[in-house]
Structure formats: structure tokens, C-alpha cells
Amino acid sequence: MPVTCEPFLRHILHDETLTRGLGDIEARMLIEWITDWAQLLVEAARCEADAWNCIHRLCRRARAIARFVQLWSQPASRGAAAQLAATERFRWPLPNQPLEPPDLMHHILTWENHHPDATDHHP
């Protein structure tokens, strides 16, 4: 029996921790990215338990990305952002110039979409 996306999307949309501390633009980009990936992951899942496992990993990664954007956007916190990137094993290149939070979020999510095999959210 195929797994339906609705409960997973509802879970994502009700999880305020995903966007806490982000600006409206970055939050919208992150939620759109999560929901797009969630639909793909749920469709590829063999069962509901596998789908939930993928969604939980995806949400964890999204929270870490959100935290990185928050930290990197504060010049005094860039060292902490770099430590987070190392701890989370983010493989995208760290910015080499100042970026506004929406531009940074766009940069990260574009890289994540173009390198799904280098991330932890694929099935």
C-alpha cells in the first residue's frame, strides 16, 4: 500500500523549530525545500516507518541548516557556524564573502539539491 504524504507534510508544517530564528524569506525557502524533498522521500519509501525515518533525518538537517544561516549571519558567530558545519558534515563550501541570509539560504539549498548523494536526507 503506498504511503500518503499528508501526515508527513502536516508534521513538517507544524514543526516551528524548523524556522525558529529565521527571517520570513529564509523560512519560506527552507519550508519549500523540505516539503519538496519530503514528497520525494515519502514516494520512494518502502513503508511508513521508512518514510518517517527519512522525514526525521530531513528535518534534523533542515534545523542544522537554519542554525548555520543564523550563526553565519552574525560576524561574531562565524566561528561557531564553521564548527557546526564541521560537526554536521556539511559538504557545501562555506561562503567566501558576506552574504545576506536569504542569499546564503539559497546558496546552501541549491547546493543540497544539486548534490543529494552528499547529504543525509536521501533514502
PDB file of N, CA and C in Angstrom:
ATOM      1  N   MET A   1       0.846  -1.174   0.000  1.00  0.00           N
ATOM      2  CA  MET A   1       0.000   0.000   0.000  1.00  0.00           C
ATOM      3  C   MET A   1       0.898   1.245   0.000  1.00  0.00           C
ATOM      4  N   PRO A   2       0.682   2.167  -0.932  1.00  0.00           N
ATOM      5  CA  PRO A   2       1.512   3.368  -0.981  1.00  0.00           C
ATOM      6  C   PRO A   2       1.299   4.252   0.242  1.00  0.00           C
ATOM      7  N   VAL A   3       2.351   4.932   0.633  1.00  0.00           N
ATOM      8  CA  VAL A   3       2.308   5.828   1.788  1.00  0.00           C
ATOM      9  C   VAL A   3       1.867   7.204   1.287  1.00  0.00           C
ATOM     10  N   THR A   4       0.908   7.810   1.971  1.00  0.00           N
ATOM     11  CA  THR A   4       0.430   9.131   1.589  1.00  0.00           C
ATOM     12  C   THR A   4       1.274  10.219   2.254  1.00  0.00           C
ATOM     13  N   CYS A   5       1.468  11.321   1.565  1.00  0.00           N
ATOM     14  CA  CYS A   5       2.340  12.407   2.037  1.00  0.00           C
ATOM     15  C   CYS A   5       1.704  13.286   3.106  1.00  0.00           C
ATOM     16  N   GLU A   6       0.399  13.330   3.165  1.00  0.00           N
ATOM     17  CA  GLU A   6      -0.289  14.306   4.012  1.00  0.00           C
ATOM     18  C   GLU A   6       0.162  14.324   5.474  1.00  0.00           C
ATOM     19  N   PRO A   7       0.252  13.191   6.170  1.00  0.00           N
ATOM     20  CA  PRO A   7       0.676  13.266   7.573  1.00  0.00           C
ATOM     21  C   PRO A   7       2.107  13.783   7.738  1.00  0.00           C
ATOM     22  N   PHE A   8       2.950  13.492   6.785  1.00  0.00           N
ATOM     23  CA  PHE A   8       4.342  13.928   6.856  1.00  0.00           C
ATOM     24  C   PHE A   8       4.445  15.433   6.629  1.00  0.00           C
ATOM     25  N   LEU A   9       3.702  15.919   5.644  1.00  0.00           N
ATOM     26  CA  LEU A   9       3.700  17.357   5.379  1.00  0.00           C
ATOM     27  C   LEU A   9       3.086  18.121   6.548  1.00  0.00           C
ATOM     28  N   ARG A  10       2.038  17.581   7.123  1.00  0.00           N
ATOM     29  CA  ARG A  10       1.410  18.221   8.289  1.00  0.00           C
ATOM     30  C   ARG A  10       2.412  18.300   9.442  1.00  0.00           C
ATOM     31  N   HIS A  11       3.158  17.224   9.651  1.00  0.00           N
ATOM     32  CA  HIS A  11       4.191  17.200  10.693  1.00  0.00           C
ATOM     33  C   HIS A  11       5.218  18.317  10.450  1.00  0.00           C
ATOM     34  N   ILE A  12       5.682  18.441   9.220  1.00  0.00           N
ATOM     35  CA  ILE A  12       6.677  19.460   8.866  1.00  0.00           C
ATOM     36  C   ILE A  12       6.113  20.855   9.081  1.00  0.00           C
ATOM     37  N   LEU A  13       4.913  21.096   8.599  1.00  0.00           N
ATOM     38  CA  LEU A  13       4.336  22.440   8.676  1.00  0.00           C
ATOM     39  C   LEU A  13       4.004  22.868  10.101  1.00  0.00           C
ATOM     40  N   HIS A  14       3.836  21.916  11.003  1.00  0.00           N
ATOM     41  CA  HIS A  14       3.539  22.246  12.401  1.00  0.00           C
ATOM     42  C   HIS A  14       4.788  22.302  13.280  1.00  0.00           C
ATOM     43  N   ASP A  15       5.947  22.009  12.709  1.00  0.00           N
ATOM     44  CA  ASP A  15       7.192  21.991  13.476  1.00  0.00           C
ATOM     45  C   ASP A  15       7.842  23.379  13.434  1.00  0.00           C
ATOM     46  N   GLU A  16       7.562  24.175  14.445  1.00  0.00           N
ATOM     47  CA  GLU A  16       8.081  25.546  14.486  1.00  0.00           C
ATOM     48  C   GLU A  16       9.589  25.602  14.680  1.00  0.00           C
ATOM     49  N   THR A  17      10.189  24.530  15.155  1.00  0.00           N
ATOM     50  CA  THR A  17      11.642  24.536  15.373  1.00  0.00           C
ATOM     51  C   THR A  17      12.413  24.587  14.055  1.00  0.00           C
ATOM     52  N   LEU A  18      11.764  24.258  12.956  1.00  0.00           N
ATOM     53  CA  LEU A  18      12.446  24.272  11.667  1.00  0.00           C
ATOM     54  C   LEU A  18      12.819  25.687  11.234  1.00  0.00           C
ATOM     55  N   THR A  19      11.995  26.651  11.581  1.00  0.00           N
ATOM     56  CA  THR A  19      12.211  28.017  11.089  1.00  0.00           C
ATOM     57  C   THR A  19      12.474  29.029  12.199  1.00  0.00           C
ATOM     58  N   ARG A  20      12.536  28.570  13.423  1.00  0.00           N
ATOM     59  CA  ARG A  20      12.761  29.486  14.552  1.00  0.00           C
ATOM     60  C   ARG A  20      14.043  30.288  14.340  1.00  0.00           C
ATOM     61  N   GLY A  21      13.927  31.612  14.442  1.00  0.00           N
ATOM     62  CA  GLY A  21      15.080  32.488  14.322  1.00  0.00           C
ATOM     63  C   GLY A  21      15.408  32.920  12.908  1.00  0.00           C
ATOM     64  N   LEU A  22      14.704  32.377  11.926  1.00  0.00           N
ATOM     65  CA  LEU A  22      14.945  32.773  10.537  1.00  0.00           C
ATOM     66  C   LEU A  22      14.046  33.936  10.152  1.00  0.00           C
ATOM     67  N   GLY A  23      14.476  34.705   9.171  1.00  0.00           N
ATOM     68  CA  GLY A  23      13.618  35.716   8.584  1.00  0.00           C
ATOM     69  C   GLY A  23      12.552  35.058   7.720  1.00  0.00           C
ATOM     70  N   ASP A  24      11.561  35.807   7.342  1.00  0.00           N
ATOM     71  CA  ASP A  24      10.453  35.257   6.549  1.00  0.00           C
ATOM     72  C   ASP A  24      10.914  34.626   5.232  1.00  0.00           C
ATOM     73  N   ILE A  25      11.823  35.291   4.550  1.00  0.00           N
ATOM     74  CA  ILE A  25      12.272  34.788   3.248  1.00  0.00           C
ATOM     75  C   ILE A  25      13.013  33.464   3.406  1.00  0.00           C
ATOM     76  N   GLU A  26      13.949  33.421   4.354  1.00  0.00           N
ATOM     77  CA  GLU A  26      14.713  32.184   4.558  1.00  0.00           C
ATOM     78  C   GLU A  26      13.802  31.056   5.036  1.00  0.00           C
ATOM     79  N   ALA A  27      12.860  31.378   5.915  1.00  0.00           N
ATOM     80  CA  ALA A  27      11.927  30.363   6.425  1.00  0.00           C
ATOM     81  C   ALA A  27      11.098  29.778   5.288  1.00  0.00           C
ATOM     82  N   ARG A  28      10.601  30.645   4.417  1.00  0.00           N
ATOM     83  CA  ARG A  28       9.789  30.172   3.288  1.00  0.00           C
ATOM     84  C   ARG A  28      10.620  29.275   2.378  1.00  0.00           C
ATOM     85  N   MET A  29      11.856  29.690   2.083  1.00  0.00           N
ATOM     86  CA  MET A  29      12.715  28.868   1.223  1.00  0.00           C
ATOM     87  C   MET A  29      12.981  27.501   1.855  1.00  0.00           C
ATOM     88  N   LEU A  30      13.252  27.487   3.153  1.00  0.00           N
ATOM     89  CA  LEU A  30      13.546  26.232   3.835  1.00  0.00           C
ATOM     90  C   LEU A  30      12.325  25.305   3.840  1.00  0.00           C
ATOM     91  N   ILE A  31      11.161  25.839   4.135  1.00  0.00           N
ATOM     92  CA  ILE A  31       9.948  25.012   4.149  1.00  0.00           C
ATOM     93  C   ILE A  31       9.635  24.471   2.758  1.00  0.00           C
ATOM     94  N   GLU A  32       9.796  25.292   1.740  1.00  0.00           N
ATOM     95  CA  GLU A  32       9.572  24.799   0.377  1.00  0.00           C
ATOM     96  C   GLU A  32      10.551  23.676   0.044  1.00  0.00           C
ATOM     97  N   TRP A  33      11.806  23.840   0.447  1.00  0.00           N
ATOM     98  CA  TRP A  33      12.820  22.819   0.194  1.00  0.00           C
ATOM     99  C   TRP A  33      12.477  21.519   0.929  1.00  0.00           C
ATOM    100  N   ILE A  34      12.091  21.645   2.197  1.00  0.00           N
ATOM    101  CA  ILE A  34      11.755  20.457   2.990  1.00  0.00           C
ATOM    102  C   ILE A  34      10.555  19.735   2.399  1.00  0.00           C
ATOM    103  N   THR A  35       9.522  20.476   2.057  1.00  0.00           N
ATOM    104  CA  THR A  35       8.308  19.815   1.553  1.00  0.00           C
ATOM    105  C   THR A  35       8.563  19.154   0.198  1.00  0.00           C
ATOM    106  N   ASP A  36       9.373  19.783  -0.644  1.00  0.00           N
ATOM    107  CA  ASP A  36       9.707  19.151  -1.926  1.00  0.00           C
ATOM    108  C   ASP A  36      10.438  17.828  -1.705  1.00  0.00           C
ATOM    109  N   TRP A  37      11.446  17.844  -0.830  1.00  0.00           N
ATOM    110  CA  TRP A  37      12.185  16.621  -0.541  1.00  0.00           C
ATOM    111  C   TRP A  37      11.308  15.593   0.165  1.00  0.00           C
ATOM    112  N   ALA A  38      10.455  16.065   1.063  1.00  0.00           N
ATOM    113  CA  ALA A  38       9.582  15.142   1.794  1.00  0.00           C
ATOM    114  C   ALA A  38       8.698  14.352   0.829  1.00  0.00           C
ATOM    115  N   GLN A  39       8.146  15.029  -0.145  1.00  0.00           N
ATOM    116  CA  GLN A  39       7.293  14.330  -1.112  1.00  0.00           C
ATOM    117  C   GLN A  39       8.072  13.259  -1.864  1.00  0.00           C
ATOM    118  N   LEU A  40       9.291  13.583  -2.277  1.00  0.00           N
ATOM    119  CA  LEU A  40      10.121  12.598  -2.980  1.00  0.00           C
ATOM    120  C   LEU A  40      10.489  11.422  -2.073  1.00  0.00           C
ATOM    121  N   LEU A  41      10.856  11.725  -0.849  1.00  0.00           N
ATOM    122  CA  LEU A  41      11.265  10.674   0.080  1.00  0.00           C
ATOM    123  C   LEU A  41      10.114   9.749   0.447  1.00  0.00           C
ATOM    124  N   VAL A  42       8.955  10.325   0.688  1.00  0.00           N
ATOM    125  CA  VAL A  42       7.791   9.505   1.055  1.00  0.00           C
ATOM    126  C   VAL A  42       7.394   8.610  -0.116  1.00  0.00           C
ATOM    127  N   GLU A  43       7.423   9.164  -1.325  1.00  0.00           N
ATOM    128  CA  GLU A  43       7.077   8.350  -2.501  1.00  0.00           C
ATOM    129  C   GLU A  43       8.057   7.191  -2.689  1.00  0.00           C
ATOM    130  N   ALA A  44       9.316   7.397  -2.328  1.00  0.00           N
ATOM    131  CA  ALA A  44      10.333   6.357  -2.508  1.00  0.00           C
ATOM    132  C   ALA A  44      10.395   5.365  -1.350  1.00  0.00           C
ATOM    133  N   ALA A  45       9.754   5.681  -0.246  1.00  0.00           N
ATOM    134  CA  ALA A  45       9.825   4.824   0.943  1.00  0.00           C
ATOM    135  C   ALA A  45       9.113   3.494   0.711  1.00  0.00           C
ATOM    136  N   ARG A  46       9.687   2.458   1.311  1.00  0.00           N
ATOM    137  CA  ARG A  46       9.098   1.120   1.197  1.00  0.00           C
ATOM    138  C   ARG A  46       7.904   0.926   2.123  1.00  0.00           C
ATOM    139  N   CYS A  47       7.931   1.657   3.245  1.00  0.00           N
ATOM    140  CA  CYS A  47       6.837   1.542   4.203  1.00  0.00           C
ATOM    141  C   CYS A  47       6.758   2.842   5.003  1.00  0.00           C
ATOM    142  N   GLU A  48       5.749   2.963   5.829  1.00  0.00           N
ATOM    143  CA  GLU A  48       5.559   4.179   6.606  1.00  0.00           C
ATOM    144  C   GLU A  48       6.710   4.422   7.575  1.00  0.00           C
ATOM    145  N   ALA A  49       7.225   3.373   8.186  1.00  0.00           N
ATOM    146  CA  ALA A  49       8.343   3.532   9.125  1.00  0.00           C
ATOM    147  C   ALA A  49       9.577   4.091   8.419  1.00  0.00           C
ATOM    148  N   ASP A  50       9.860   3.598   7.215  1.00  0.00           N
ATOM    149  CA  ASP A  50      10.988   4.137   6.443  1.00  0.00           C
ATOM    150  C   ASP A  50      10.756   5.604   6.099  1.00  0.00           C
ATOM    151  N   ALA A  51       9.526   5.932   5.742  1.00  0.00           N
ATOM    152  CA  ALA A  51       9.200   7.321   5.403  1.00  0.00           C
ATOM    153  C   ALA A  51       9.427   8.232   6.605  1.00  0.00           C
ATOM    154  N   TRP A  52       8.955   7.808   7.786  1.00  0.00           N
ATOM    155  CA  TRP A  52       9.159   8.628   8.986  1.00  0.00           C
ATOM    156  C   TRP A  52      10.638   8.791   9.298  1.00  0.00           C
ATOM    157  N   ASN A  53      11.402   7.742   9.136  1.00  0.00           N
ATOM    158  CA  ASN A  53      12.842   7.814   9.374  1.00  0.00           C
ATOM    159  C   ASN A  53      13.478   8.860   8.453  1.00  0.00           C
ATOM    160  N   CYS A  54      13.118   8.835   7.186  1.00  0.00           N
ATOM    161  CA  CYS A  54      13.648   9.815   6.225  1.00  0.00           C
ATOM    162  C   CYS A  54      13.213  11.229   6.583  1.00  0.00           C
ATOM    163  N   ILE A  55      11.972  11.398   6.976  1.00  0.00           N
ATOM    164  CA  ILE A  55      11.453  12.730   7.315  1.00  0.00           C
ATOM    165  C   ILE A  55      12.160  13.266   8.554  1.00  0.00           C
ATOM    166  N   HIS A  56      12.393  12.431   9.540  1.00  0.00           N
ATOM    167  CA  HIS A  56      13.095  12.882  10.746  1.00  0.00           C
ATOM    168  C   HIS A  56      14.533  13.304  10.419  1.00  0.00           C
ATOM    169  N   ARG A  57      15.218  12.552   9.552  1.00  0.00           N
ATOM    170  CA  ARG A  57      16.580  12.939   9.141  1.00  0.00           C
ATOM    171  C   ARG A  57      16.556  14.244   8.354  1.00  0.00           C
ATOM    172  N   LEU A  58      15.578  14.390   7.476  1.00  0.00           N
ATOM    173  CA  LEU A  58      15.434  15.613   6.684  1.00  0.00           C
ATOM    174  C   LEU A  58      15.200  16.822   7.587  1.00  0.00           C
ATOM    175  N   CYS A  59      14.320  16.684   8.560  1.00  0.00           N
ATOM    176  CA  CYS A  59      14.025  17.792   9.477  1.00  0.00           C
ATOM    177  C   CYS A  59      15.242  18.135  10.331  1.00  0.00           C
ATOM    178  N   ARG A  60      15.984  17.137  10.759  1.00  0.00           N
ATOM    179  CA  ARG A  60      17.198  17.405  11.534  1.00  0.00           C
ATOM    180  C   ARG A  60      18.187  18.198  10.698  1.00  0.00           C
ATOM    181  N   ARG A  61      18.359  17.802   9.457  1.00  0.00           N
ATOM    182  CA  ARG A  61      19.277  18.522   8.566  1.00  0.00           C
ATOM    183  C   ARG A  61      18.791  19.954   8.346  1.00  0.00           C
ATOM    184  N   ALA A  62      17.499  20.121   8.144  1.00  0.00           N
ATOM    185  CA  ALA A  62      16.937  21.456   7.922  1.00  0.00           C
ATOM    186  C   ALA A  62      17.158  22.355   9.137  1.00  0.00           C
ATOM    187  N   ARG A  63      16.981  21.809  10.340  1.00  0.00           N
ATOM    188  CA  ARG A  63      17.234  22.609  11.554  1.00  0.00           C
ATOM    189  C   ARG A  63      18.703  23.016  11.633  1.00  0.00           C
ATOM    190  N   ALA A  64      19.597  22.119  11.258  1.00  0.00           N
ATOM    191  CA  ALA A  64      21.021  22.437  11.289  1.00  0.00           C
ATOM    192  C   ALA A  64      21.360  23.499  10.241  1.00  0.00           C
ATOM    193  N   ILE A  65      20.766  23.404   9.075  1.00  0.00           N
ATOM    194  CA  ILE A  65      20.984  24.426   8.040  1.00  0.00           C
ATOM    195  C   ILE A  65      20.471  25.774   8.533  1.00  0.00           C
ATOM    196  N   ALA A  66      19.286  25.785   9.134  1.00  0.00           N
ATOM    197  CA  ALA A  66      18.721  27.034   9.656  1.00  0.00           C
ATOM    198  C   ALA A  66      19.649  27.633  10.699  1.00  0.00           C
ATOM    199  N   ARG A  67      20.168  26.799  11.570  1.00  0.00           N
ATOM    200  CA  ARG A  67      21.066  27.295  12.620  1.00  0.00           C
ATOM    201  C   ARG A  67      22.356  27.840  12.010  1.00  0.00           C
ATOM    202  N   PHE A  68      22.875  27.164  10.996  1.00  0.00           N
ATOM    203  CA  PHE A  68      24.071  27.652  10.330  1.00  0.00           C
ATOM    204  C   PHE A  68      23.823  29.044   9.745  1.00  0.00           C
ATOM    205  N   VAL A  69      22.709  29.222   9.060  1.00  0.00           N
ATOM    206  CA  VAL A  69      22.396  30.519   8.453  1.00  0.00           C
ATOM    207  C   VAL A  69      22.300  31.591   9.529  1.00  0.00           C
ATOM    208  N   GLN A  70      21.661  31.265  10.648  1.00  0.00           N
ATOM    209  CA  GLN A  70      21.557  32.230  11.750  1.00  0.00           C
ATOM    210  C   GLN A  70      22.943  32.620  12.268  1.00  0.00           C
ATOM    211  N   LEU A  71      23.784  31.627  12.504  1.00  0.00           N
ATOM    212  CA  LEU A  71      25.109  31.898  13.047  1.00  0.00           C
ATOM    213  C   LEU A  71      25.990  32.655  12.053  1.00  0.00           C
ATOM    214  N   TRP A  72      25.998  32.217  10.813  1.00  0.00           N
ATOM    215  CA  TRP A  72      26.862  32.835   9.815  1.00  0.00           C
ATOM    216  C   TRP A  72      26.465  34.290   9.557  1.00  0.00           C
ATOM    217  N   SER A  73      25.210  34.596   9.752  1.00  0.00           N
ATOM    218  CA  SER A  73      24.711  35.952   9.502  1.00  0.00           C
ATOM    219  C   SER A  73      25.167  36.944  10.561  1.00  0.00           C
ATOM    220  N   GLN A  74      25.764  36.455  11.634  1.00  0.00           N
ATOM    221  CA  GLN A  74      26.309  37.314  12.692  1.00  0.00           C
ATOM    222  C   GLN A  74      27.830  37.163  12.654  1.00  0.00           C
ATOM    223  N   PRO A  75      28.540  38.204  12.193  1.00  0.00           N
ATOM    224  CA  PRO A  75      30.002  38.070  12.038  1.00  0.00           C
ATOM    225  C   PRO A  75      30.722  37.503  13.264  1.00  0.00           C
ATOM    226  N   ALA A  76      30.271  37.823  14.448  1.00  0.00           N
ATOM    227  CA  ALA A  76      30.933  37.317  15.660  1.00  0.00           C
ATOM    228  C   ALA A  76      30.682  35.822  15.879  1.00  0.00           C
ATOM    229  N   SER A  77      29.725  35.256  15.164  1.00  0.00           N
ATOM    230  CA  SER A  77      29.359  33.845  15.346  1.00  0.00           C
ATOM    231  C   SER A  77      29.819  32.959  14.194  1.00  0.00           C
ATOM    232  N   ARG A  78      30.610  33.486  13.307  1.00  0.00           N
ATOM    233  CA  ARG A  78      31.031  32.690  12.143  1.00  0.00           C
ATOM    234  C   ARG A  78      31.902  31.502  12.538  1.00  0.00           C
ATOM    235  N   GLY A  79      32.683  31.643  13.588  1.00  0.00           N
ATOM    236  CA  GLY A  79      33.471  30.508  14.067  1.00  0.00           C
ATOM    237  C   GLY A  79      32.566  29.382  14.538  1.00  0.00           C
ATOM    238  N   ALA A  80      31.514  29.742  15.254  1.00  0.00           N
ATOM    239  CA  ALA A  80      30.542  28.740  15.707  1.00  0.00           C
ATOM    240  C   ALA A  80      29.831  28.110  14.512  1.00  0.00           C
ATOM    241  N   ALA A  81      29.561  28.909  13.502  1.00  0.00           N
ATOM    242  CA  ALA A  81      28.920  28.380  12.296  1.00  0.00           C
ATOM    243  C   ALA A  81      29.833  27.373  11.605  1.00  0.00           C
ATOM    244  N   ALA A  82      31.113  27.693  11.529  1.00  0.00           N
ATOM    245  CA  ALA A  82      32.073  26.774  10.909  1.00  0.00           C
ATOM    246  C   ALA A  82      32.178  25.477  11.710  1.00  0.00           C
ATOM    247  N   GLN A  83      32.155  25.580  13.042  1.00  0.00           N
ATOM    248  CA  GLN A  83      32.170  24.371  13.885  1.00  0.00           C
ATOM    249  C   GLN A  83      30.919  23.530  13.649  1.00  0.00           C
ATOM    250  N   LEU A  84      29.776  24.187  13.544  1.00  0.00           N
ATOM    251  CA  LEU A  84      28.522  23.471  13.266  1.00  0.00           C
ATOM    252  C   LEU A  84      28.614  22.764  11.921  1.00  0.00           C
ATOM    253  N   ALA A  85      29.136  23.465  10.914  1.00  0.00           N
ATOM    254  CA  ALA A  85      29.274  22.870   9.583  1.00  0.00           C
ATOM    255  C   ALA A  85      30.155  21.622   9.640  1.00  0.00           C
ATOM    256  N   ALA A  86      31.229  21.683  10.411  1.00  0.00           N
ATOM    257  CA  ALA A  86      32.116  20.524  10.534  1.00  0.00           C
ATOM    258  C   ALA A  86      31.432  19.385  11.290  1.00  0.00           C
ATOM    259  N   THR A  87      30.761  19.717  12.370  1.00  0.00           N
ATOM    260  CA  THR A  87      30.071  18.709  13.180  1.00  0.00           C
ATOM    261  C   THR A  87      28.974  18.007  12.379  1.00  0.00           C
ATOM    262  N   GLU A  88      28.234  18.789  11.606  1.00  0.00           N
ATOM    263  CA  GLU A  88      27.129  18.230  10.811  1.00  0.00           C
ATOM    264  C   GLU A  88      27.607  17.614   9.497  1.00  0.00           C
ATOM    265  N   ARG A  89      28.909  17.773   9.238  1.00  0.00           N
ATOM    266  CA  ARG A  89      29.494  17.250   7.995  1.00  0.00           C
ATOM    267  C   ARG A  89      28.836  17.829   6.752  1.00  0.00           C
ATOM    268  N   PHE A  90      28.553  19.139   6.820  1.00  0.00           N
ATOM    269  CA  PHE A  90      28.052  19.828   5.637  1.00  0.00           C
ATOM    270  C   PHE A  90      29.171  19.828   4.604  1.00  0.00           C
ATOM    271  N   ARG A  91      28.836  19.477   3.405  1.00  0.00           N
ATOM    272  CA  ARG A  91      29.862  19.392   2.368  1.00  0.00           C
ATOM    273  C   ARG A  91      29.845  20.584   1.432  1.00  0.00           C
ATOM    274  N   TRP A  92      28.856  21.453   1.571  1.00  0.00           N
ATOM    275  CA  TRP A  92      28.853  22.618   0.693  1.00  0.00           C
ATOM    276  C   TRP A  92      29.942  23.578   1.132  1.00  0.00           C
ATOM    277  N   PRO A  93      30.458  24.335   0.164  1.00  0.00           N
ATOM    278  CA  PRO A  93      31.540  25.262   0.510  1.00  0.00           C
ATOM    279  C   PRO A  93      31.042  26.407   1.386  1.00  0.00           C
ATOM    280  N   LEU A  94      31.840  26.751   2.373  1.00  0.00           N
ATOM    281  CA  LEU A  94      31.493  27.897   3.201  1.00  0.00           C
ATOM    282  C   LEU A  94      31.597  29.155   2.343  1.00  0.00           C
ATOM    283  N   PRO A  95      30.762  30.128   2.603  1.00  0.00           N
ATOM    284  CA  PRO A  95      30.822  31.367   1.811  1.00  0.00           C
ATOM    285  C   PRO A  95      32.192  32.027   1.960  1.00  0.00           C
ATOM    286  N   ASN A  96      32.672  32.609   0.876  1.00  0.00           N
ATOM    287  CA  ASN A  96      33.958  33.304   0.927  1.00  0.00           C
ATOM    288  C   ASN A  96      33.774  34.816   0.870  1.00  0.00           C
ATOM    289  N   GLN A  97      32.529  35.240   1.024  1.00  0.00           N
ATOM    290  CA  GLN A  97      32.209  36.663   1.058  1.00  0.00           C
ATOM    291  C   GLN A  97      30.958  36.841   1.898  1.00  0.00           C
ATOM    292  N   PRO A  98      30.730  38.048   2.396  1.00  0.00           N
ATOM    293  CA  PRO A  98      29.500  38.275   3.173  1.00  0.00           C
ATOM    294  C   PRO A  98      28.259  38.059   2.293  1.00  0.00           C
ATOM    295  N   LEU A  99      27.299  37.355   2.829  1.00  0.00           N
ATOM    296  CA  LEU A  99      26.034  37.118   2.129  1.00  0.00           C
ATOM    297  C   LEU A  99      24.887  37.473   3.057  1.00  0.00           C
ATOM    298  N   GLU A 100      23.848  38.028   2.490  1.00  0.00           N
ATOM    299  CA  GLU A 100      22.626  38.260   3.251  1.00  0.00           C
ATOM    300  C   GLU A 100      21.994  36.894   3.533  1.00  0.00           C
ATOM    301  N   PRO A 101      21.270  36.764   4.654  1.00  0.00           N
ATOM    302  CA  PRO A 101      20.674  35.455   4.995  1.00  0.00           C
ATOM    303  C   PRO A 101      19.868  34.802   3.869  1.00  0.00           C
ATOM    304  N   PRO A 102      19.011  35.543   3.131  1.00  0.00           N
ATOM    305  CA  PRO A 102      18.281  34.866   2.047  1.00  0.00           C
ATOM    306  C   PRO A 102      19.218  34.328   0.956  1.00  0.00           C
ATOM    307  N   ASP A 103      20.270  35.081   0.643  1.00  0.00           N
ATOM    308  CA  ASP A 103      21.223  34.625  -0.371  1.00  0.00           C
ATOM    309  C   ASP A 103      21.995  33.403   0.111  1.00  0.00           C
ATOM    310  N   LEU A 104      22.365  33.410   1.378  1.00  0.00           N
ATOM    311  CA  LEU A 104      23.066  32.268   1.954  1.00  0.00           C
ATOM    312  C   LEU A 104      22.167  31.025   1.947  1.00  0.00           C
ATOM    313  N   MET A 105      20.910  31.174   2.360  1.00  0.00           N
ATOM    314  CA  MET A 105      19.979  30.050   2.356  1.00  0.00           C
ATOM    315  C   MET A 105      19.812  29.512   0.939  1.00  0.00           C
ATOM    316  N   HIS A 106      19.668  30.410  -0.014  1.00  0.00           N
ATOM    317  CA  HIS A 106      19.518  29.995  -1.414  1.00  0.00           C
ATOM    318  C   HIS A 106      20.757  29.221  -1.877  1.00  0.00           C
ATOM    319  N   HIS A 107      21.931  29.730  -1.557  1.00  0.00           N
ATOM    320  CA  HIS A 107      23.192  29.084  -1.921  1.00  0.00           C
ATOM    321  C   HIS A 107      23.253  27.659  -1.359  1.00  0.00           C
ATOM    322  N   ILE A 108      22.929  27.518  -0.083  1.00  0.00           N
ATOM    323  CA  ILE A 108      23.001  26.209   0.578  1.00  0.00           C
ATOM    324  C   ILE A 108      21.982  25.238  -0.006  1.00  0.00           C
ATOM    325  N   LEU A 109      20.734  25.667  -0.136  1.00  0.00           N
ATOM    326  CA  LEU A 109      19.688  24.758  -0.617  1.00  0.00           C
ATOM    327  C   LEU A 109      19.905  24.371  -2.077  1.00  0.00           C
ATOM    328  N   THR A 110      20.438  25.294  -2.869  1.00  0.00           N
ATOM    329  CA  THR A 110      20.757  24.960  -4.263  1.00  0.00           C
ATOM    330  C   THR A 110      21.850  23.892  -4.301  1.00  0.00           C
ATOM    331  N   TRP A 111      22.873  24.063  -3.461  1.00  0.00           N
ATOM    332  CA  TRP A 111      23.936  23.053  -3.405  1.00  0.00           C
ATOM    333  C   TRP A 111      23.356  21.712  -2.962  1.00  0.00           C
ATOM    334  N   GLU A 112      22.527  21.724  -1.934  1.00  0.00           N
ATOM    335  CA  GLU A 112      21.914  20.478  -1.427  1.00  0.00           C
ATOM    336  C   GLU A 112      21.119  19.779  -2.536  1.00  0.00           C
ATOM    337  N   ASN A 113      20.391  20.544  -3.326  1.00  0.00           N
ATOM    338  CA  ASN A 113      19.599  19.948  -4.404  1.00  0.00           C
ATOM    339  C   ASN A 113      20.460  19.375  -5.516  1.00  0.00           C
ATOM    340  N   HIS A 114      21.607  19.988  -5.761  1.00  0.00           N
ATOM    341  CA  HIS A 114      22.483  19.520  -6.831  1.00  0.00           C
ATOM    342  C   HIS A 114      23.432  18.404  -6.397  1.00  0.00           C
ATOM    343  N   HIS A 115      23.490  18.153  -5.101  1.00  0.00           N
ATOM    344  CA  HIS A 115      24.387  17.109  -4.569  1.00  0.00           C
ATOM    345  C   HIS A 115      23.643  16.225  -3.557  1.00  0.00           C
ATOM    346  N   PRO A 116      22.536  15.619  -3.955  1.00  0.00           N
ATOM    347  CA  PRO A 116      21.766  14.825  -2.982  1.00  0.00           C
ATOM    348  C   PRO A 116      22.521  13.620  -2.430  1.00  0.00           C
ATOM    349  N   ASP A 117      23.474  13.103  -3.171  1.00  0.00           N
ATOM    350  CA  ASP A 117      24.231  11.941  -2.675  1.00  0.00           C
ATOM    351  C   ASP A 117      25.209  12.326  -1.574  1.00  0.00           C
ATOM    352  N   ALA A 118      25.465  13.620  -1.424  1.00  0.00           N
ATOM    353  CA  ALA A 118      26.399  14.094  -0.396  1.00  0.00           C
ATOM    354  C   ALA A 118      25.674  14.512   0.868  1.00  0.00           C
ATOM    355  N   THR A 119      24.370  14.274   0.921  1.00  0.00           N
ATOM    356  CA  THR A 119      23.583  14.696   2.073  1.00  0.00           C
ATOM    357  C   THR A 119      23.012  13.479   2.788  1.00  0.00           C
ATOM    358  N   ASP A 120      22.452  13.750   3.938  1.00  0.00           N
ATOM    359  CA  ASP A 120      21.913  12.676   4.788  1.00  0.00           C
ATOM    360  C   ASP A 120      20.406  12.536   4.659  1.00  0.00           C
ATOM    361  N   HIS A 121      19.763  13.255   3.750  1.00  0.00           N
ATOM    362  CA  HIS A 121      18.306  13.189   3.712  1.00  0.00           C
ATOM    363  C   HIS A 121      17.770  12.288   2.611  1.00  0.00           C
ATOM    364  N   HIS A 122      18.624  11.755   1.772  1.00  0.00           N
ATOM    365  CA  HIS A 122      18.116  10.876   0.720  1.00  0.00           C
ATOM    366  C   HIS A 122      17.828   9.486   1.283  1.00  0.00           C
ATOM    367  N   PRO A 123      16.940   8.741   0.630  1.00  0.00           N
ATOM    368  CA  PRO A 123      16.584   7.413   1.147  1.00  0.00           C
ATOM    369  C   PRO A 123      17.725   6.424   1.016  1.00  0.00           C
TER     370      PRO A 123
END
